[in-house]
Amino acid sequence: MTAVNKWMIDPNDAVMLLVDHQSGLFQLVRDIDLPTLRHHVCALAKLSRLAKLPTFTTASVPDGPNGPLIPEIHQYNPEAVYIPRTGQINAWDNPKWVEAIEKTKRKTLLIAGTLTSVCMAFPTLSALVAGYKVFCIIDASGNWSKMATDITVARIVQAGAVPIDTNAVLSELTNTWNRPDAMEFAQVSMDHVVLPYRCLMESYDKAQSVQKVGHETKLDQLEAAGAKK
């Protein structure tokens, strides 16, 4: 029997929490470029569906300047459950949020949120007190300054949370390439996380094609013709 590694994600015990990834709040982000942040959030939405993780989203005063959740989250994961708040800044202060998480019977939380110092950090600190293991996905969270993010990471680590990046989450949820849906996980990486990996795959596919059908440019024929001269 394989021992459980408490420092790594167990997909069978994990819940994905995407907190306040809102169009208005995105405009305040300065510690990561917005296309990258948006890509990473989209990756998590796809990943949580592929890995069959219970997924909960929420938004802070979406009718105001904070704006609505970016639409890709629920487009890529229609099974994700949106839980509205009634003004609470800390999502954990919303009883319906906590109730939904408790009903899953899972004790590992994967949390990303904008803004990092508040939307991600506050429910993280609350969940730790409640006895959950928490992985904070830093590069799928955005903040108003790098200094604020550095301070926040130090704060959550001291409290017992584990900082992690989107690519590590992807790899831990994939777990093995020996699975029928492995290329679906790889596709998430190519589309949203490690975009240069697509170039690698394209080069590999072309090399495989050459082995099957020969060189497209027929260089071998040119070389042979040159040798006869």
Protein backbone atom coordinates (compact mmCIF):
# COMPACT_ATOMS: atom_id res chain seq x y z
CA MET A 1 0.00 0.00 0.00
CA THR A 2 1.38 3.40 -1.02
CA ALA A 3 1.79 5.84 1.85
CA VAL A 4 -0.11 9.11 1.53
CA ASN A 5 2.19 12.06 0.84
CA LYS A 6 0.73 14.95 2.80
CA TRP A 7 2.78 17.45 0.79
CA MET A 8 1.17 16.48 -2.52
CA ILE A 9 -2.38 16.69 -3.87
CA ASP A 10 -4.63 13.66 -3.59
CA PRO A 11 -7.19 14.09 -6.42
CA ASN A 12 -9.63 11.88 -4.52
CA ASP A 13 -9.62 14.26 -1.55
CA ALA A 14 -9.42 17.62 -3.34
CA VAL A 15 -11.87 20.46 -3.93
CA MET A 16 -11.20 23.33 -6.34
CA LEU A 17 -12.14 26.82 -5.09
CA LEU A 18 -12.00 29.70 -7.58
CA VAL A 19 -12.61 32.91 -5.69
CA ASP A 20 -13.45 36.30 -7.18
CA HIS A 21 -11.83 35.99 -10.61
CA GLN A 22 -13.80 39.03 -11.73
CA SER A 23 -13.33 41.33 -14.68
CA GLY A 24 -13.21 44.47 -12.53
CA LEU A 25 -10.72 43.07 -10.03
CA PHE A 26 -8.50 41.85 -12.87
CA GLN A 27 -7.92 45.49 -13.78
CA LEU A 28 -6.17 46.03 -10.43
CA VAL A 29 -3.65 43.24 -10.98
CA ARG A 30 -0.02 44.30 -11.40
CA ASP A 31 2.05 41.28 -10.30
CA ILE A 32 1.22 39.03 -13.28
CA ASP A 33 0.20 39.94 -16.81
CA LEU A 34 -3.53 39.54 -17.37
CA PRO A 35 -3.46 37.13 -20.34
CA THR A 36 -1.29 34.74 -18.29
CA LEU A 37 -3.53 35.03 -15.24
CA ARG A 38 -6.62 34.43 -17.34
CA HIS A 39 -4.98 31.42 -19.03
CA HIS A 40 -4.14 29.88 -15.67
CA VAL A 41 -7.65 30.33 -14.31
CA CYS A 42 -9.05 28.73 -17.47
CA ALA A 43 -6.61 25.85 -17.03
CA LEU A 44 -7.86 25.24 -13.49
CA ALA A 45 -11.48 25.24 -14.65
CA LYS A 46 -10.66 22.63 -17.30
CA LEU A 47 -8.48 20.61 -14.96
CA SER A 48 -11.02 20.40 -12.19
CA ARG A 49 -13.55 19.04 -14.66
CA LEU A 50 -11.10 16.53 -16.14
CA ALA A 51 -10.04 15.35 -12.69
CA LYS A 52 -13.67 15.29 -11.51
CA LEU A 53 -13.00 17.63 -8.58
CA PRO A 54 -15.95 19.32 -6.87
CA THR A 55 -15.54 22.95 -7.93
CA PHE A 56 -17.05 26.03 -6.32
CA THR A 57 -16.88 29.63 -7.50
CA THR A 58 -17.99 32.88 -5.97
CA ALA A 59 -17.81 36.62 -6.66
CA SER A 60 -17.51 39.71 -4.50
CA VAL A 61 -20.29 42.24 -5.23
CA PRO A 62 -20.43 41.30 -8.94
CA ASP A 63 -23.13 43.92 -9.58
CA GLY A 64 -20.67 46.65 -8.61
CA PRO A 65 -17.26 47.74 -9.90
CA ASN A 66 -15.66 44.37 -9.08
CA GLY A 67 -17.58 43.02 -12.06
CA PRO A 68 -18.72 39.51 -12.98
CA LEU A 69 -16.67 36.33 -12.98
CA ILE A 70 -14.80 35.85 -16.22
CA PRO A 71 -17.17 33.70 -18.31
CA GLU A 72 -14.61 31.07 -19.32
CA ILE A 73 -14.68 29.45 -15.87
CA HIS A 74 -18.21 28.13 -16.18
CA GLN A 75 -17.94 27.65 -19.94
CA TYR A 76 -15.02 25.27 -19.43
CA ASN A 77 -16.52 23.66 -16.34
CA PRO A 78 -20.32 23.65 -16.50
CA GLU A 79 -20.41 21.41 -13.42
CA ALA A 80 -18.78 24.11 -11.28
CA VAL A 81 -21.20 25.49 -8.69
CA TYR A 82 -21.50 29.24 -8.26
CA ILE A 83 -22.27 30.32 -4.69
CA PRO A 84 -23.32 33.96 -4.35
CA ARG A 85 -22.30 36.02 -1.32
CA THR A 86 -24.25 38.60 0.64
CA GLY A 87 -21.46 41.13 1.10
CA GLN A 88 -18.85 39.03 2.94
CA ILE A 89 -15.29 39.94 1.93
CA ASN A 90 -14.00 36.59 3.17
CA ALA A 91 -15.77 33.86 1.19
CA TRP A 92 -15.45 31.57 4.23
CA ASP A 93 -17.77 33.89 6.16
CA ASN A 94 -20.58 32.82 3.81
CA PRO A 95 -22.30 29.83 5.49
CA LYS A 96 -23.44 28.41 2.13
CA TRP A 97 -19.84 28.34 0.89
CA VAL A 98 -18.63 26.38 3.90
CA GLU A 99 -21.67 24.11 3.80
CA ALA A 100 -21.03 23.21 0.14
CA ILE A 101 -17.41 22.33 0.90
CA GLU A 102 -18.32 20.28 3.96
CA LYS A 103 -20.84 18.24 1.96
CA THR A 104 -18.05 16.95 -0.29
CA LYS A 105 -16.45 15.20 2.73
CA ARG A 106 -13.07 16.17 1.26
CA LYS A 107 -10.34 17.82 3.31
CA THR A 108 -7.90 19.20 0.71
CA LEU A 109 -8.64 22.59 -0.81
CA LEU A 110 -7.04 24.05 -3.93
CA ILE A 111 -7.60 27.79 -3.74
CA ALA A 112 -6.95 30.57 -6.24
CA GLY A 113 -8.39 34.07 -6.04
CA THR A 114 -8.14 37.67 -7.10
CA LEU A 115 -6.97 39.60 -5.23
CA THR A 116 -4.33 37.34 -3.70
CA SER A 117 -3.98 39.27 -0.42
CA VAL A 118 -7.69 39.10 0.28
CA CYS A 119 -9.80 36.82 -1.92
CA MET A 120 -7.27 33.98 -1.82
CA ALA A 121 -5.66 34.58 1.57
CA PHE A 122 -8.70 35.13 3.79
CA PRO A 123 -10.54 31.86 3.03
CA THR A 124 -7.18 30.06 3.14
CA LEU A 125 -6.53 31.22 6.70
CA SER A 126 -10.08 30.37 7.73
CA ALA A 127 -9.92 26.90 6.14
CA LEU A 128 -6.65 26.13 7.92
CA VAL A 129 -8.24 26.95 11.27
CA ALA A 130 -11.13 24.67 10.32
CA GLY A 131 -8.71 21.77 9.82
CA TYR A 132 -8.36 21.67 6.04
CA LYS A 133 -5.15 21.14 4.09
CA VAL A 134 -4.81 24.06 1.69
CA PHE A 135 -2.81 24.47 -1.51
CA CYS A 136 -2.74 28.09 -2.72
CA ILE A 137 -2.31 28.44 -6.48
CA ILE A 138 -0.30 31.65 -6.61
CA ASP A 139 0.01 32.12 -10.37
CA ALA A 140 -3.76 31.74 -10.83
CA SER A 141 -4.25 34.58 -8.37
CA GLY A 142 -3.50 38.24 -9.01
CA ASN A 143 -2.53 41.15 -6.78
CA TRP A 144 -1.93 44.89 -6.89
CA SER A 145 1.82 44.56 -6.31
CA LYS A 146 4.59 41.99 -6.11
CA MET A 147 5.36 43.16 -2.58
CA ALA A 148 1.78 42.45 -1.52
CA THR A 149 2.00 38.98 -3.01
CA ASP A 150 5.34 38.25 -1.34
CA ILE A 151 3.94 39.30 2.03
CA THR A 152 0.81 37.20 1.48
CA VAL A 153 2.76 34.08 0.54
CA ALA A 154 4.86 34.46 3.70
CA ARG A 155 1.66 34.89 5.73
CA ILE A 156 -0.14 31.81 4.41
CA VAL A 157 2.98 29.63 4.63
CA GLN A 158 3.45 30.57 8.28
CA ALA A 159 -0.18 29.60 8.83
CA GLY A 160 0.39 26.19 7.24
CA ALA A 161 -0.75 26.55 3.62
CA VAL A 162 1.27 25.17 0.70
CA PRO A 163 1.99 27.57 -2.19
CA ILE A 164 1.91 25.97 -5.62
CA ASP A 165 1.78 26.96 -9.28
CA THR A 166 -0.70 25.95 -11.98
CA ASN A 167 1.69 23.65 -13.81
CA ALA A 168 2.41 21.68 -10.63
CA VAL A 169 -1.34 21.33 -9.99
CA LEU A 170 -1.79 20.08 -13.55
CA SER A 171 0.99 17.52 -13.15
CA GLU A 172 -0.21 16.26 -9.78
CA LEU A 173 -3.79 15.88 -10.98
CA THR A 174 -2.63 14.10 -14.15
CA ASN A 175 -0.52 11.80 -11.94
CA THR A 176 0.40 9.40 -14.76
CA TRP A 177 0.64 9.41 -18.56
CA ASN A 178 -0.66 5.85 -18.45
CA ARG A 179 -4.30 6.93 -18.54
CA PRO A 180 -6.79 7.11 -21.43
CA ASP A 181 -7.36 10.85 -21.03
CA ALA A 182 -3.67 11.78 -20.70
CA MET A 183 -3.67 13.85 -23.89
CA GLU A 184 -6.63 15.88 -22.62
CA PHE A 185 -4.51 16.94 -19.65
CA ALA A 186 -1.59 17.64 -21.99
CA GLN A 187 -3.90 19.75 -24.16
CA VAL A 188 -4.70 21.96 -21.16
CA SER A 189 -0.99 22.56 -20.71
CA MET A 190 -0.47 23.39 -24.38
CA ASP A 191 -3.49 25.70 -24.50
CA HIS A 192 -3.06 27.56 -21.23
CA VAL A 193 0.02 26.82 -19.13
CA VAL A 194 3.21 25.83 -20.99
CA LEU A 195 2.31 27.18 -24.41
CA PRO A 196 5.75 26.40 -25.97
CA TYR A 197 4.98 22.72 -25.34
CA ARG A 198 2.71 22.91 -28.39
CA CYS A 199 5.77 23.69 -30.53
CA LEU A 200 7.54 20.67 -29.08
CA MET A 201 4.55 18.46 -29.88
CA GLU A 202 4.33 19.86 -33.41
CA SER A 203 8.00 19.09 -33.99
CA TYR A 204 7.54 15.59 -32.59
CA ASP A 205 4.50 14.97 -34.81
CA LYS A 206 6.44 16.11 -37.87
CA ALA A 207 9.38 13.84 -36.99
CA GLN A 208 6.98 10.92 -36.69
CA SER A 209 5.45 11.84 -40.05
CA VAL A 210 8.87 11.82 -41.70
CA GLN A 211 9.45 8.29 -40.46
CA LYS A 212 6.17 7.19 -42.04
CA VAL A 213 5.94 9.11 -45.32
CA GLY A 214 9.43 10.47 -45.89
CA HIS A 215 10.87 13.95 -46.10
CA GLU A 216 8.46 16.58 -47.36
CA THR A 217 11.28 18.54 -49.00
CA LYS A 218 12.78 15.43 -50.72
CA LEU A 219 16.26 16.51 -49.68
CA ASP A 220 17.50 12.96 -50.07
CA GLN A 221 16.63 13.10 -53.79
CA LEU A 222 18.44 16.43 -54.19
CA GLU A 223 21.48 15.05 -52.43
CA ALA A 224 21.46 11.95 -54.64
CA ALA A 225 21.16 14.07 -57.79
CA GLY A 226 24.02 16.25 -56.64
CA ALA A 227 26.22 13.23 -55.99
CA LYS A 228 25.79 12.05 -59.62
CA LYS A 229 27.12 15.32 -61.04
